[in-house]
Amino acid sequence: MKELIIAFGLFLFIEGLLYALFPAKMKSMLEKLKMISDSQLRAGGLLFSVIGFIIIWYFKK
């Protein structure tokens, strides 16, 4: 559970840092996100979830 909280904190840190350093780029990226279909977003999210799971599994062995 401790690792999950640390990972969530790291996620928030990186996300916040991106918005702090590149606010205009982040706004632009969010606008472009509207042009992507739901199925493409779902497939991308699933792909990243699987990759993340594999990385976690590999390093927790």
N, C-alpha and C. Protein backbone atom coordinates (compact mmCIF):
# COMPACT_ATOMS: atom_id res chain seq x y z
N MET A 1 0.83 -1.20 0.00
CA MET A 1 0.00 0.00 0.00
C MET A 1 0.87 1.25 0.00
N LYS A 2 2.00 1.18 0.71
CA LYS A 2 2.90 2.32 0.78
C LYS A 2 3.42 2.68 -0.62
N GLU A 3 3.75 1.64 -1.41
CA GLU A 3 4.25 1.88 -2.77
C GLU A 3 3.20 2.55 -3.64
N LEU A 4 1.94 2.18 -3.46
CA LEU A 4 0.85 2.77 -4.23
C LEU A 4 0.72 4.27 -3.92
N ILE A 5 0.82 4.62 -2.66
CA ILE A 5 0.74 6.03 -2.26
C ILE A 5 1.93 6.80 -2.80
N ILE A 6 3.12 6.20 -2.76
CA ILE A 6 4.31 6.85 -3.31
C ILE A 6 4.17 7.05 -4.81
N ALA A 7 3.66 6.02 -5.50
CA ALA A 7 3.47 6.13 -6.95
C ALA A 7 2.46 7.22 -7.29
N PHE A 8 1.39 7.33 -6.52
CA PHE A 8 0.40 8.37 -6.75
C PHE A 8 1.00 9.75 -6.51
N GLY A 9 1.81 9.87 -5.47
CA GLY A 9 2.49 11.14 -5.20
C GLY A 9 3.43 11.52 -6.33
N LEU A 10 4.14 10.53 -6.86
CA LEU A 10 5.05 10.78 -7.99
C LEU A 10 4.27 11.23 -9.22
N PHE A 11 3.14 10.58 -9.46
CA PHE A 11 2.27 10.97 -10.58
C PHE A 11 1.83 12.43 -10.43
N LEU A 12 1.36 12.81 -9.25
CA LEU A 12 0.91 14.18 -9.02
C LEU A 12 2.06 15.17 -9.17
N PHE A 13 3.24 14.79 -8.69
CA PHE A 13 4.41 15.66 -8.80
C PHE A 13 4.75 15.91 -10.26
N ILE A 14 4.83 14.86 -11.06
CA ILE A 14 5.19 15.01 -12.47
C ILE A 14 4.12 15.78 -13.23
N GLU A 15 2.87 15.46 -12.98
CA GLU A 15 1.76 16.16 -13.65
C GLU A 15 1.78 17.65 -13.29
N GLY A 16 1.93 17.95 -12.02
CA GLY A 16 1.97 19.35 -11.59
C GLY A 16 3.16 20.10 -12.16
N LEU A 17 4.29 19.43 -12.23
CA LEU A 17 5.50 20.04 -12.79
C LEU A 17 5.29 20.39 -14.26
N LEU A 18 4.65 19.50 -15.01
CA LEU A 18 4.39 19.78 -16.43
C LEU A 18 3.50 21.00 -16.60
N TYR A 19 2.44 21.11 -15.78
CA TYR A 19 1.56 22.27 -15.87
C TYR A 19 2.26 23.55 -15.43
N ALA A 20 3.16 23.45 -14.46
CA ALA A 20 3.88 24.62 -13.97
C ALA A 20 4.91 25.11 -14.99
N LEU A 21 5.59 24.18 -15.64
CA LEU A 21 6.65 24.56 -16.58
C LEU A 21 6.14 24.89 -17.98
N PHE A 22 5.09 24.21 -18.42
CA PHE A 22 4.59 24.37 -19.79
C PHE A 22 3.07 24.58 -19.83
N PRO A 23 2.56 25.65 -19.22
CA PRO A 23 1.10 25.81 -19.17
C PRO A 23 0.45 25.96 -20.55
N ALA A 24 1.08 26.70 -21.44
CA ALA A 24 0.48 26.90 -22.78
C ALA A 24 0.48 25.59 -23.57
N LYS A 25 1.57 24.83 -23.49
CA LYS A 25 1.64 23.54 -24.19
C LYS A 25 0.59 22.56 -23.65
N MET A 26 0.39 22.57 -22.34
CA MET A 26 -0.59 21.66 -21.75
C MET A 26 -2.01 22.03 -22.19
N LYS A 27 -2.32 23.31 -22.26
CA LYS A 27 -3.62 23.74 -22.76
C LYS A 27 -3.82 23.30 -24.20
N SER A 28 -2.78 23.48 -25.00
CA SER A 28 -2.84 23.08 -26.41
C SER A 28 -3.06 21.57 -26.53
N MET A 29 -2.37 20.81 -25.71
CA MET A 29 -2.49 19.37 -25.76
C MET A 29 -3.91 18.93 -25.36
N LEU A 30 -4.48 19.58 -24.36
CA LEU A 30 -5.84 19.24 -23.94
C LEU A 30 -6.85 19.57 -25.02
N GLU A 31 -6.64 20.64 -25.76
CA GLU A 31 -7.53 20.99 -26.87
C GLU A 31 -7.46 19.93 -27.97
N LYS A 32 -6.27 19.45 -28.26
CA LYS A 32 -6.09 18.42 -29.29
C LYS A 32 -6.71 17.09 -28.87
N LEU A 33 -6.82 16.88 -27.58
CA LEU A 33 -7.40 15.64 -27.06
C LEU A 33 -8.86 15.49 -27.47
N LYS A 34 -9.55 16.61 -27.67
CA LYS A 34 -10.95 16.57 -28.08
C LYS A 34 -11.13 15.95 -29.46
N MET A 35 -10.09 16.00 -30.29
CA MET A 35 -10.19 15.48 -31.66
C MET A 35 -10.01 13.96 -31.72
N ILE A 36 -9.56 13.35 -30.64
CA ILE A 36 -9.32 11.92 -30.62
C ILE A 36 -10.60 11.20 -30.21
N SER A 37 -10.94 10.13 -30.91
CA SER A 37 -12.18 9.40 -30.61
C SER A 37 -12.07 8.66 -29.28
N ASP A 38 -13.24 8.35 -28.72
CA ASP A 38 -13.28 7.64 -27.44
C ASP A 38 -12.60 6.27 -27.54
N SER A 39 -12.80 5.59 -28.65
CA SER A 39 -12.20 4.26 -28.79
C SER A 39 -10.67 4.34 -28.84
N GLN A 40 -10.13 5.38 -29.48
CA GLN A 40 -8.68 5.55 -29.50
C GLN A 40 -8.14 5.86 -28.10
N LEU A 41 -8.85 6.70 -27.36
CA LEU A 41 -8.44 7.01 -25.99
C LEU A 41 -8.50 5.76 -25.11
N ARG A 42 -9.57 4.98 -25.28
CA ARG A 42 -9.73 3.75 -24.50
C ARG A 42 -8.59 2.77 -24.81
N ALA A 43 -8.28 2.60 -26.09
CA ALA A 43 -7.20 1.69 -26.49
C ALA A 43 -5.85 2.18 -25.96
N GLY A 44 -5.59 3.46 -26.05
CA GLY A 44 -4.35 4.02 -25.52
C GLY A 44 -4.25 3.86 -24.01
N GLY A 45 -5.35 4.11 -23.32
CA GLY A 45 -5.36 3.94 -21.87
C GLY A 45 -5.12 2.49 -21.46
N LEU A 46 -5.73 1.57 -22.19
CA LEU A 46 -5.53 0.15 -21.91
C LEU A 46 -4.08 -0.25 -22.17
N LEU A 47 -3.52 0.24 -23.27
CA LEU A 47 -2.13 -0.07 -23.60
C LEU A 47 -1.18 0.43 -22.52
N PHE A 48 -1.36 1.68 -22.09
CA PHE A 48 -0.49 2.23 -21.05
C PHE A 48 -0.68 1.50 -19.72
N SER A 49 -1.90 1.08 -19.43
CA SER A 49 -2.15 0.33 -18.20
C SER A 49 -1.41 -1.00 -18.22
N VAL A 50 -1.45 -1.69 -19.35
CA VAL A 50 -0.76 -2.98 -19.47
C VAL A 50 0.75 -2.78 -19.37
N ILE A 51 1.27 -1.77 -20.05
CA ILE A 51 2.71 -1.49 -19.98
C ILE A 51 3.11 -1.16 -18.54
N GLY A 52 2.34 -0.34 -17.87
CA GLY A 52 2.62 0.01 -16.48
C GLY A 52 2.58 -1.21 -15.57
N PHE A 53 1.59 -2.08 -15.79
CA PHE A 53 1.49 -3.30 -14.99
C PHE A 53 2.71 -4.19 -15.20
N ILE A 54 3.13 -4.34 -16.46
CA ILE A 54 4.30 -5.16 -16.76
C ILE A 54 5.56 -4.60 -16.10
N ILE A 55 5.73 -3.29 -16.14
CA ILE A 55 6.89 -2.67 -15.49
C ILE A 55 6.86 -2.91 -13.98
N ILE A 56 5.71 -2.71 -13.36
CA ILE A 56 5.59 -2.95 -11.92
C ILE A 56 5.86 -4.41 -11.59
N TRP A 57 5.26 -5.31 -12.35
CA TRP A 57 5.44 -6.74 -12.11
C TRP A 57 6.89 -7.15 -12.25
N TYR A 58 7.56 -6.62 -13.28
CA TYR A 58 8.95 -6.98 -13.53
C TYR A 58 9.86 -6.54 -12.39
N PHE A 59 9.65 -5.34 -11.89
CA PHE A 59 10.54 -4.81 -10.85
C PHE A 59 10.15 -5.28 -9.44
N LYS A 60 8.96 -5.80 -9.26
CA LYS A 60 8.55 -6.31 -7.95
C LYS A 60 8.91 -7.78 -7.77
N LYS A 61 9.39 -8.45 -8.84
CA LYS A 61 9.75 -9.87 -8.76
C LYS A 61 10.87 -10.09 -7.78
